[in-house]
């Protein structure tokens, strides 16, 4: 998702789970596509579609962004020392 490294951090709480509005809409979409009841277990639906919760992708994106920032600072410091 575009720029999720920045805007998604508010949704990365451990206890947030499937309660965030984007995840709810995503689950409703998947359940509608699969034509199953909306009371079906979310984890089963995600596994059937070979997906992870959106928070997983957002967290991974935020960590990669953080690592790139740290690496760029290291490279910048190394270039200044030469």
PDB file of N, CA and C in Angstrom:
ATOM      1  N   UNK A   1       0.832  -1.171   0.000  1.00  0.00           N
ATOM      2  CA  UNK A   1       0.000   0.000   0.000  1.00  0.00           C
ATOM      3  C   UNK A   1       0.882   1.241   0.000  1.00  0.00           C
ATOM      4  N   UNK A   2       0.473   2.198  -0.752  1.00  0.00           N
ATOM      5  CA  UNK A   2       1.280   3.371  -0.976  1.00  0.00           C
ATOM      6  C   UNK A   2       1.562   4.125   0.323  1.00  0.00           C
ATOM      7  N   UNK A   3       2.830   4.322   0.628  1.00  0.00           N
ATOM      8  CA  UNK A   3       3.316   5.084   1.788  1.00  0.00           C
ATOM      9  C   UNK A   3       2.819   4.526   3.118  1.00  0.00           C
ATOM     10  N   UNK A   4       2.558   3.249   3.189  1.00  0.00           N
ATOM     11  CA  UNK A   4       2.072   2.662   4.448  1.00  0.00           C
ATOM     12  C   UNK A   4       3.118   2.705   5.554  1.00  0.00           C
ATOM     13  N   UNK A   5       4.379   2.940   5.193  1.00  0.00           N
ATOM     14  CA  UNK A   5       5.426   3.066   6.208  1.00  0.00           C
ATOM     15  C   UNK A   5       5.110   4.229   7.144  1.00  0.00           C
ATOM     16  N   UNK A   6       4.427   5.223   6.633  1.00  0.00           N
ATOM     17  CA  UNK A   6       4.156   6.435   7.395  1.00  0.00           C
ATOM     18  C   UNK A   6       2.782   6.380   8.055  1.00  0.00           C
ATOM     19  N   UNK A   7       1.725   6.173   7.265  1.00  0.00           N
ATOM     20  CA  UNK A   7       0.376   6.296   7.809  1.00  0.00           C
ATOM     21  C   UNK A   7      -0.096   5.067   8.574  1.00  0.00           C
ATOM     22  N   UNK A   8       0.507   3.916   8.370  1.00  0.00           N
ATOM     23  CA  UNK A   8      -0.021   2.696   8.997  1.00  0.00           C
ATOM     24  C   UNK A   8       0.450   2.475  10.428  1.00  0.00           C
ATOM     25  N   UNK A   9       1.401   3.260  10.895  1.00  0.00           N
ATOM     26  CA  UNK A   9       1.959   2.990  12.220  1.00  0.00           C
ATOM     27  C   UNK A   9       0.917   3.076  13.322  1.00  0.00           C
ATOM     28  N   UNK A  10      -0.126   3.872  13.138  1.00  0.00           N
ATOM     29  CA  UNK A  10      -1.173   3.946  14.155  1.00  0.00           C
ATOM     30  C   UNK A  10      -1.997   2.658  14.238  1.00  0.00           C
ATOM     31  N   UNK A  11      -1.946   1.835  13.203  1.00  0.00           N
ATOM     32  CA  UNK A  11      -2.706   0.587  13.182  1.00  0.00           C
ATOM     33  C   UNK A  11      -1.878  -0.625  13.597  1.00  0.00           C
ATOM     34  N   UNK A  12      -0.632  -0.430  13.995  1.00  0.00           N
ATOM     35  CA  UNK A  12       0.258  -1.549  14.285  1.00  0.00           C
ATOM     36  C   UNK A  12       0.263  -1.954  15.756  1.00  0.00           C
ATOM     37  N   UNK A  13      -0.807  -1.692  16.450  1.00  0.00           N
ATOM     38  CA  UNK A  13      -0.906  -2.092  17.848  1.00  0.00           C
ATOM     39  C   UNK A  13      -1.150  -3.591  17.926  1.00  0.00           C
ATOM     40  N   UNK A  14      -0.591  -4.219  18.942  1.00  0.00           N
ATOM     41  CA  UNK A  14      -0.694  -5.668  19.087  1.00  0.00           C
ATOM     42  C   UNK A  14      -2.147  -6.133  19.245  1.00  0.00           C
ATOM     43  N   UNK A  15      -2.925  -5.407  20.010  1.00  0.00           N
ATOM     44  CA  UNK A  15      -4.289  -5.842  20.291  1.00  0.00           C
ATOM     45  C   UNK A  15      -5.305  -5.355  19.262  1.00  0.00           C
ATOM     46  N   UNK A  16      -4.863  -4.654  18.230  1.00  0.00           N
ATOM     47  CA  UNK A  16      -5.769  -4.099  17.234  1.00  0.00           C
ATOM     48  C   UNK A  16      -6.405  -5.194  16.378  1.00  0.00           C
ATOM     49  N   UNK A  17      -5.646  -6.179  15.999  1.00  0.00           N
ATOM     50  CA  UNK A  17      -6.147  -7.327  15.264  1.00  0.00           C
ATOM     51  C   UNK A  17      -6.983  -6.986  14.054  1.00  0.00           C
ATOM     52  N   UNK A  18      -8.173  -7.553  14.007  1.00  0.00           N
ATOM     53  CA  UNK A  18      -9.053  -7.362  12.857  1.00  0.00           C
ATOM     54  C   UNK A  18     -10.033  -6.213  13.061  1.00  0.00           C
ATOM     55  N   UNK A  19      -9.768  -5.330  14.005  1.00  0.00           N
ATOM     56  CA  UNK A  19     -10.719  -4.264  14.292  1.00  0.00           C
ATOM     57  C   UNK A  19     -10.461  -2.980  13.507  1.00  0.00           C
ATOM     58  N   UNK A  20      -9.350  -2.881  12.818  1.00  0.00           N
ATOM     59  CA  UNK A  20      -9.084  -1.640  12.100  1.00  0.00           C
ATOM     60  C   UNK A  20      -9.948  -1.579  10.837  1.00  0.00           C
ATOM     61  N   UNK A  21     -10.399  -0.390  10.467  1.00  0.00           N
ATOM     62  CA  UNK A  21     -11.383  -0.238   9.389  1.00  0.00           C
ATOM     63  C   UNK A  21     -10.937  -0.800   8.039  1.00  0.00           C
ATOM     64  N   UNK A  22      -9.660  -0.666   7.706  1.00  0.00           N
ATOM     65  CA  UNK A  22      -9.191  -1.203   6.427  1.00  0.00           C
ATOM     66  C   UNK A  22      -9.211  -2.724   6.413  1.00  0.00           C
ATOM     67  N   UNK A  23      -8.840  -3.324   7.538  1.00  0.00           N
ATOM     68  CA  UNK A  23      -8.866  -4.783   7.626  1.00  0.00           C
ATOM     69  C   UNK A  23     -10.299  -5.297   7.569  1.00  0.00           C
ATOM     70  N   UNK A  24     -11.220  -4.592   8.202  1.00  0.00           N
ATOM     71  CA  UNK A  24     -12.638  -4.983   8.180  1.00  0.00           C
ATOM     72  C   UNK A  24     -13.165  -4.947   6.744  1.00  0.00           C
ATOM     73  N   UNK A  25     -12.854  -3.886   6.019  1.00  0.00           N
ATOM     74  CA  UNK A  25     -13.298  -3.781   4.626  1.00  0.00           C
ATOM     75  C   UNK A  25     -12.658  -4.865   3.766  1.00  0.00           C
ATOM     76  N   UNK A  26     -11.390  -5.136   4.000  1.00  0.00           N
ATOM     77  CA  UNK A  26     -10.682  -6.183   3.249  1.00  0.00           C
ATOM     78  C   UNK A  26     -11.313  -7.553   3.508  1.00  0.00           C
ATOM     79  N   UNK A  27     -11.627  -7.837   4.764  1.00  0.00           N
ATOM     80  CA  UNK A  27     -12.242  -9.127   5.101  1.00  0.00           C
ATOM     81  C   UNK A  27     -13.635  -9.234   4.492  1.00  0.00           C
ATOM     82  N   UNK A  28     -14.403  -8.154   4.521  1.00  0.00           N
ATOM     83  CA  UNK A  28     -15.744  -8.166   3.918  1.00  0.00           C
ATOM     84  C   UNK A  28     -15.650  -8.437   2.418  1.00  0.00           C
ATOM     85  N   UNK A  29     -14.660  -7.834   1.765  1.00  0.00           N
ATOM     86  CA  UNK A  29     -14.453  -8.055   0.339  1.00  0.00           C
ATOM     87  C   UNK A  29     -14.122  -9.525   0.053  1.00  0.00           C
ATOM     88  N   UNK A  30     -13.188 -10.083   0.826  1.00  0.00           N
ATOM     89  CA  UNK A  30     -12.800 -11.483   0.604  1.00  0.00           C
ATOM     90  C   UNK A  30     -13.972 -12.430   0.839  1.00  0.00           C
ATOM     91  N   UNK A  31     -14.739 -12.188   1.884  1.00  0.00           N
ATOM     92  CA  UNK A  31     -15.877 -13.058   2.185  1.00  0.00           C
ATOM     93  C   UNK A  31     -16.959 -12.948   1.113  1.00  0.00           C
ATOM     94  N   UNK A  32     -17.116 -11.744   0.565  1.00  0.00           N
ATOM     95  CA  UNK A  32     -18.098 -11.565  -0.507  1.00  0.00           C
ATOM     96  C   UNK A  32     -17.640 -12.292  -1.768  1.00  0.00           C
ATOM     97  N   UNK A  33     -16.356 -12.195  -2.081  1.00  0.00           N
ATOM     98  CA  UNK A  33     -15.812 -12.876  -3.261  1.00  0.00           C
ATOM     99  C   UNK A  33     -15.965 -14.395  -3.125  1.00  0.00           C
ATOM    100  N   UNK A  34     -15.686 -14.904  -1.915  1.00  0.00           N
ATOM    101  CA  UNK A  34     -15.778 -16.348  -1.672  1.00  0.00           C
ATOM    102  C   UNK A  34     -17.211 -16.826  -1.486  1.00  0.00           C
ATOM    103  N   UNK A  35     -18.128 -15.869  -1.337  1.00  0.00           N
ATOM    104  CA  UNK A  35     -19.554 -16.179  -1.113  1.00  0.00           C
ATOM    105  C   UNK A  35     -19.758 -17.042   0.125  1.00  0.00           C
ATOM    106  N   UNK A  36     -19.161 -16.580   1.218  1.00  0.00           N
ATOM    107  CA  UNK A  36     -19.338 -17.279   2.490  1.00  0.00           C
ATOM    108  C   UNK A  36     -19.969 -16.317   3.490  1.00  0.00           C
ATOM    109  N   UNK A  37     -20.412 -16.847   4.623  1.00  0.00           N
ATOM    110  CA  UNK A  37     -21.049 -16.024   5.646  1.00  0.00           C
ATOM    111  C   UNK A  37     -20.041 -15.035   6.220  1.00  0.00           C
ATOM    112  N   UNK A  38     -20.551 -13.874   6.607  1.00  0.00           N
ATOM    113  CA  UNK A  38     -19.677 -12.860   7.195  1.00  0.00           C
ATOM    114  C   UNK A  38     -19.254 -13.228   8.609  1.00  0.00           C
ATOM    115  N   UNK A  39     -19.839 -14.273   9.163  1.00  0.00           N
ATOM    116  CA  UNK A  39     -19.442 -14.741  10.489  1.00  0.00           C
ATOM    117  C   UNK A  39     -18.331 -15.786  10.420  1.00  0.00           C
ATOM    118  N   UNK A  40     -17.877 -16.115   9.219  1.00  0.00           N
ATOM    119  CA  UNK A  40     -16.788 -17.089   9.067  1.00  0.00           C
ATOM    120  C   UNK A  40     -15.515 -16.543   9.708  1.00  0.00           C
ATOM    121  N   UNK A  41     -14.684 -17.446  10.193  1.00  0.00           N
ATOM    122  CA  UNK A  41     -13.449 -17.054  10.878  1.00  0.00           C
ATOM    123  C   UNK A  41     -12.508 -16.323   9.919  1.00  0.00           C
ATOM    124  N   UNK A  42     -12.018 -15.178  10.367  1.00  0.00           N
ATOM    125  CA  UNK A  42     -11.148 -14.353   9.530  1.00  0.00           C
ATOM    126  C   UNK A  42      -9.864 -15.074   9.140  1.00  0.00           C
ATOM    127  N   UNK A  43      -9.252 -15.769  10.101  1.00  0.00           N
ATOM    128  CA  UNK A  43      -7.990 -16.459   9.798  1.00  0.00           C
ATOM    129  C   UNK A  43      -8.189 -17.528   8.732  1.00  0.00           C
ATOM    130  N   UNK A  44      -9.315 -18.227   8.773  1.00  0.00           N
ATOM    131  CA  UNK A  44      -9.582 -19.252   7.756  1.00  0.00           C
ATOM    132  C   UNK A  44      -9.728 -18.628   6.374  1.00  0.00           C
ATOM    133  N   UNK A  45     -10.391 -17.491   6.325  1.00  0.00           N
ATOM    134  CA  UNK A  45     -10.561 -16.794   5.049  1.00  0.00           C
ATOM    135  C   UNK A  45      -9.219 -16.334   4.504  1.00  0.00           C
ATOM    136  N   UNK A  46      -8.391 -15.754   5.357  1.00  0.00           N
ATOM    137  CA  UNK A  46      -7.075 -15.305   4.918  1.00  0.00           C
ATOM    138  C   UNK A  46      -6.227 -16.468   4.416  1.00  0.00           C
ATOM    139  N   UNK A  47      -6.251 -17.575   5.124  1.00  0.00           N
ATOM    140  CA  UNK A  47      -5.467 -18.753   4.706  1.00  0.00           C
ATOM    141  C   UNK A  47      -5.980 -19.296   3.378  1.00  0.00           C
ATOM    142  N   UNK A  48      -7.296 -19.320   3.199  1.00  0.00           N
ATOM    143  CA  UNK A  48      -7.880 -19.811   1.954  1.00  0.00           C
ATOM    144  C   UNK A  48      -7.429 -18.947   0.767  1.00  0.00           C
ATOM    145  N   UNK A  49      -7.260 -17.660   1.017  1.00  0.00           N
ATOM    146  CA  UNK A  49      -6.840 -16.722  -0.035  1.00  0.00           C
ATOM    147  C   UNK A  49      -5.328 -16.528  -0.071  1.00  0.00           C
ATOM    148  N   UNK A  50      -4.596 -17.285   0.742  1.00  0.00           N
ATOM    149  CA  UNK A  50      -3.125 -17.209   0.816  1.00  0.00           C
ATOM    150  C   UNK A  50      -2.655 -15.790   1.131  1.00  0.00           C
ATOM    151  N   UNK A  51      -3.281 -15.191   2.137  1.00  0.00           N
ATOM    152  CA  UNK A  51      -2.931 -13.832   2.533  1.00  0.00           C
ATOM    153  C   UNK A  51      -2.650 -13.773   4.021  1.00  0.00           C
ATOM    154  N   UNK A  52      -2.050 -12.663   4.412  1.00  0.00           N
ATOM    155  CA  UNK A  52      -1.782 -12.342   5.817  1.00  0.00           C
ATOM    156  C   UNK A  52      -2.642 -11.135   6.176  1.00  0.00           C
ATOM    157  N   UNK A  53      -2.814 -10.868   7.469  1.00  0.00           N
ATOM    158  CA  UNK A  53      -3.511  -9.626   7.835  1.00  0.00           C
ATOM    159  C   UNK A  53      -2.749  -8.417   7.292  1.00  0.00           C
ATOM    160  N   UNK A  54      -3.471  -7.356   6.978  1.00  0.00           N
ATOM    161  CA  UNK A  54      -2.844  -6.165   6.415  1.00  0.00           C
ATOM    162  C   UNK A  54      -1.759  -5.613   7.323  1.00  0.00           C
ATOM    163  N   UNK A  55      -1.950  -5.755   8.638  1.00  0.00           N
ATOM    164  CA  UNK A  55      -0.954  -5.254   9.577  1.00  0.00           C
ATOM    165  C   UNK A  55       0.407  -5.891   9.337  1.00  0.00           C
ATOM    166  N   UNK A  56       0.441  -7.136   8.917  1.00  0.00           N
ATOM    167  CA  UNK A  56       1.705  -7.816   8.627  1.00  0.00           C
ATOM    168  C   UNK A  56       2.462  -7.087   7.523  1.00  0.00           C
ATOM    169  N   UNK A  57       1.760  -6.752   6.446  1.00  0.00           N
ATOM    170  CA  UNK A  57       2.393  -6.061   5.321  1.00  0.00           C
ATOM    171  C   UNK A  57       2.831  -4.660   5.724  1.00  0.00           C
ATOM    172  N   UNK A  58       2.004  -3.985   6.515  1.00  0.00           N
ATOM    173  CA  UNK A  58       2.346  -2.637   6.970  1.00  0.00           C
ATOM    174  C   UNK A  58       3.565  -2.664   7.882  1.00  0.00           C
ATOM    175  N   UNK A  59       3.610  -3.633   8.789  1.00  0.00           N
ATOM    176  CA  UNK A  59       4.747  -3.740   9.700  1.00  0.00           C
ATOM    177  C   UNK A  59       6.031  -4.015   8.929  1.00  0.00           C
ATOM    178  N   UNK A  60       5.956  -4.947   7.994  1.00  0.00           N
ATOM    179  CA  UNK A  60       7.128  -5.287   7.185  1.00  0.00           C
ATOM    180  C   UNK A  60       7.612  -4.065   6.400  1.00  0.00           C
ATOM    181  N   UNK A  61       6.687  -3.309   5.852  1.00  0.00           N
ATOM    182  CA  UNK A  61       7.043  -2.105   5.108  1.00  0.00           C
ATOM    183  C   UNK A  61       7.682  -1.056   6.010  1.00  0.00           C
ATOM    184  N   UNK A  62       7.142  -0.869   7.207  1.00  0.00           N
ATOM    185  CA  UNK A  62       7.700   0.107   8.152  1.00  0.00           C
ATOM    186  C   UNK A  62       9.108  -0.296   8.590  1.00  0.00           C
ATOM    187  N   UNK A  63       9.320  -1.589   8.821  1.00  0.00           N
ATOM    188  CA  UNK A  63      10.654  -2.067   9.231  1.00  0.00           C
ATOM    189  C   UNK A  63      11.662  -1.883   8.104  1.00  0.00           C
ATOM    190  N   UNK A  64      11.270  -2.200   6.885  1.00  0.00           N
ATOM    191  CA  UNK A  64      12.174  -1.997   5.751  1.00  0.00           C
ATOM    192  C   UNK A  64      12.530  -0.522   5.597  1.00  0.00           C
ATOM    193  N   UNK A  65      11.528   0.347   5.770  1.00  0.00           N
ATOM    194  CA  UNK A  65      11.766   1.786   5.686  1.00  0.00           C
ATOM    195  C   UNK A  65      12.746   2.229   6.762  1.00  0.00           C
ATOM    196  N   UNK A  66      12.545   1.745   7.978  1.00  0.00           N
ATOM    197  CA  UNK A  66      13.440   2.088   9.093  1.00  0.00           C
ATOM    198  C   UNK A  66      14.867   1.610   8.799  1.00  0.00           C
ATOM    199  N   UNK A  67      14.998   0.386   8.333  1.00  0.00           N
ATOM    200  CA  UNK A  67      16.327  -0.155   8.030  1.00  0.00           C
ATOM    201  C   UNK A  67      17.023   0.641   6.929  1.00  0.00           C
ATOM    202  N   UNK A  68      16.272   1.065   5.922  1.00  0.00           N
ATOM    203  CA  UNK A  68      16.864   1.881   4.862  1.00  0.00           C
ATOM    204  C   UNK A  68      17.344   3.219   5.415  1.00  0.00           C
ATOM    205  N   UNK A  69      16.581   3.803   6.332  1.00  0.00           N
ATOM    206  CA  UNK A  69      17.007   5.074   6.936  1.00  0.00           C
ATOM    207  C   UNK A  69      18.291   4.889   7.741  1.00  0.00           C
ATOM    208  N   UNK A  70      18.374   3.815   8.508  1.00  0.00           N
ATOM    209  CA  UNK A  70      19.572   3.546   9.312  1.00  0.00           C
ATOM    210  C   UNK A  70      20.767   3.293   8.396  1.00  0.00           C
ATOM    211  N   UNK A  71      20.568   2.498   7.349  1.00  0.00           N
ATOM    212  CA  UNK A  71      21.663   2.216   6.414  1.00  0.00           C
ATOM    213  C   UNK A  71      22.135   3.475   5.702  1.00  0.00           C
ATOM    214  N   UNK A  72      21.209   4.327   5.322  1.00  0.00           N
ATOM    215  CA  UNK A  72      21.620   5.552   4.626  1.00  0.00           C
ATOM    216  C   UNK A  72      22.397   6.474   5.559  1.00  0.00           C
ATOM    217  N   UNK A  73      22.045   6.483   6.827  1.00  0.00           N
ATOM    218  CA  UNK A  73      22.783   7.306   7.787  1.00  0.00           C
ATOM    219  C   UNK A  73      24.202   6.757   7.960  1.00  0.00           C
ATOM    220  N   UNK A  74      24.335   5.430   8.017  1.00  0.00           N
ATOM    221  CA  UNK A  74      25.663   4.817   8.134  1.00  0.00           C
ATOM    222  C   UNK A  74      26.514   5.148   6.914  1.00  0.00           C
ATOM    223  N   UNK A  75      25.927   5.024   5.718  1.00  0.00           N
ATOM    224  CA  UNK A  75      26.666   5.314   4.486  1.00  0.00           C
ATOM    225  C   UNK A  75      27.067   6.777   4.431  1.00  0.00           C
ATOM    226  N   UNK A  76      26.172   7.641   4.878  1.00  0.00           N
ATOM    227  CA  UNK A  76      26.463   9.065   4.883  1.00  0.00           C
ATOM    228  C   UNK A  76      27.603   9.379   5.852  1.00  0.00           C
ATOM    229  N   UNK A  77      27.607   8.747   6.997  1.00  0.00           N
ATOM    230  CA  UNK A  77      28.691   8.951   7.976  1.00  0.00           C
ATOM    231  C   UNK A  77      30.013   8.419   7.430  1.00  0.00           C
ATOM    232  N   UNK A  78      29.991   7.286   6.745  1.00  0.00           N
ATOM    233  CA  UNK A  78      31.215   6.723   6.174  1.00  0.00           C
ATOM    234  C   UNK A  78      31.781   7.630   5.089  1.00  0.00           C
ATOM    235  N   UNK A  79      30.920   8.226   4.280  1.00  0.00           N
ATOM    236  CA  UNK A  79      31.381   9.132   3.217  1.00  0.00           C
ATOM    237  C   UNK A  79      31.958  10.410   3.795  1.00  0.00           C
ATOM    238  N   UNK A  80      31.432  10.877   4.906  1.00  0.00           N
ATOM    239  CA  UNK A  80      31.951  12.100   5.525  1.00  0.00           C
ATOM    240  C   UNK A  80      33.297  11.881   6.197  1.00  0.00           C
ATOM    241  N   UNK A  81      33.583  10.647   6.624  1.00  0.00           N
ATOM    242  CA  UNK A  81      34.840  10.351   7.288  1.00  0.00           C
ATOM    243  C   UNK A  81      36.000  10.198   6.317  1.00  0.00           C
ATOM    244  N   UNK A  82      35.748  10.041   5.046  1.00  0.00           N
ATOM    245  CA  UNK A  82      36.819   9.831   4.063  1.00  0.00           C
ATOM    246  C   UNK A  82      37.453  11.118   3.642  1.00  0.00           C
TER     247      UNK A  82
END
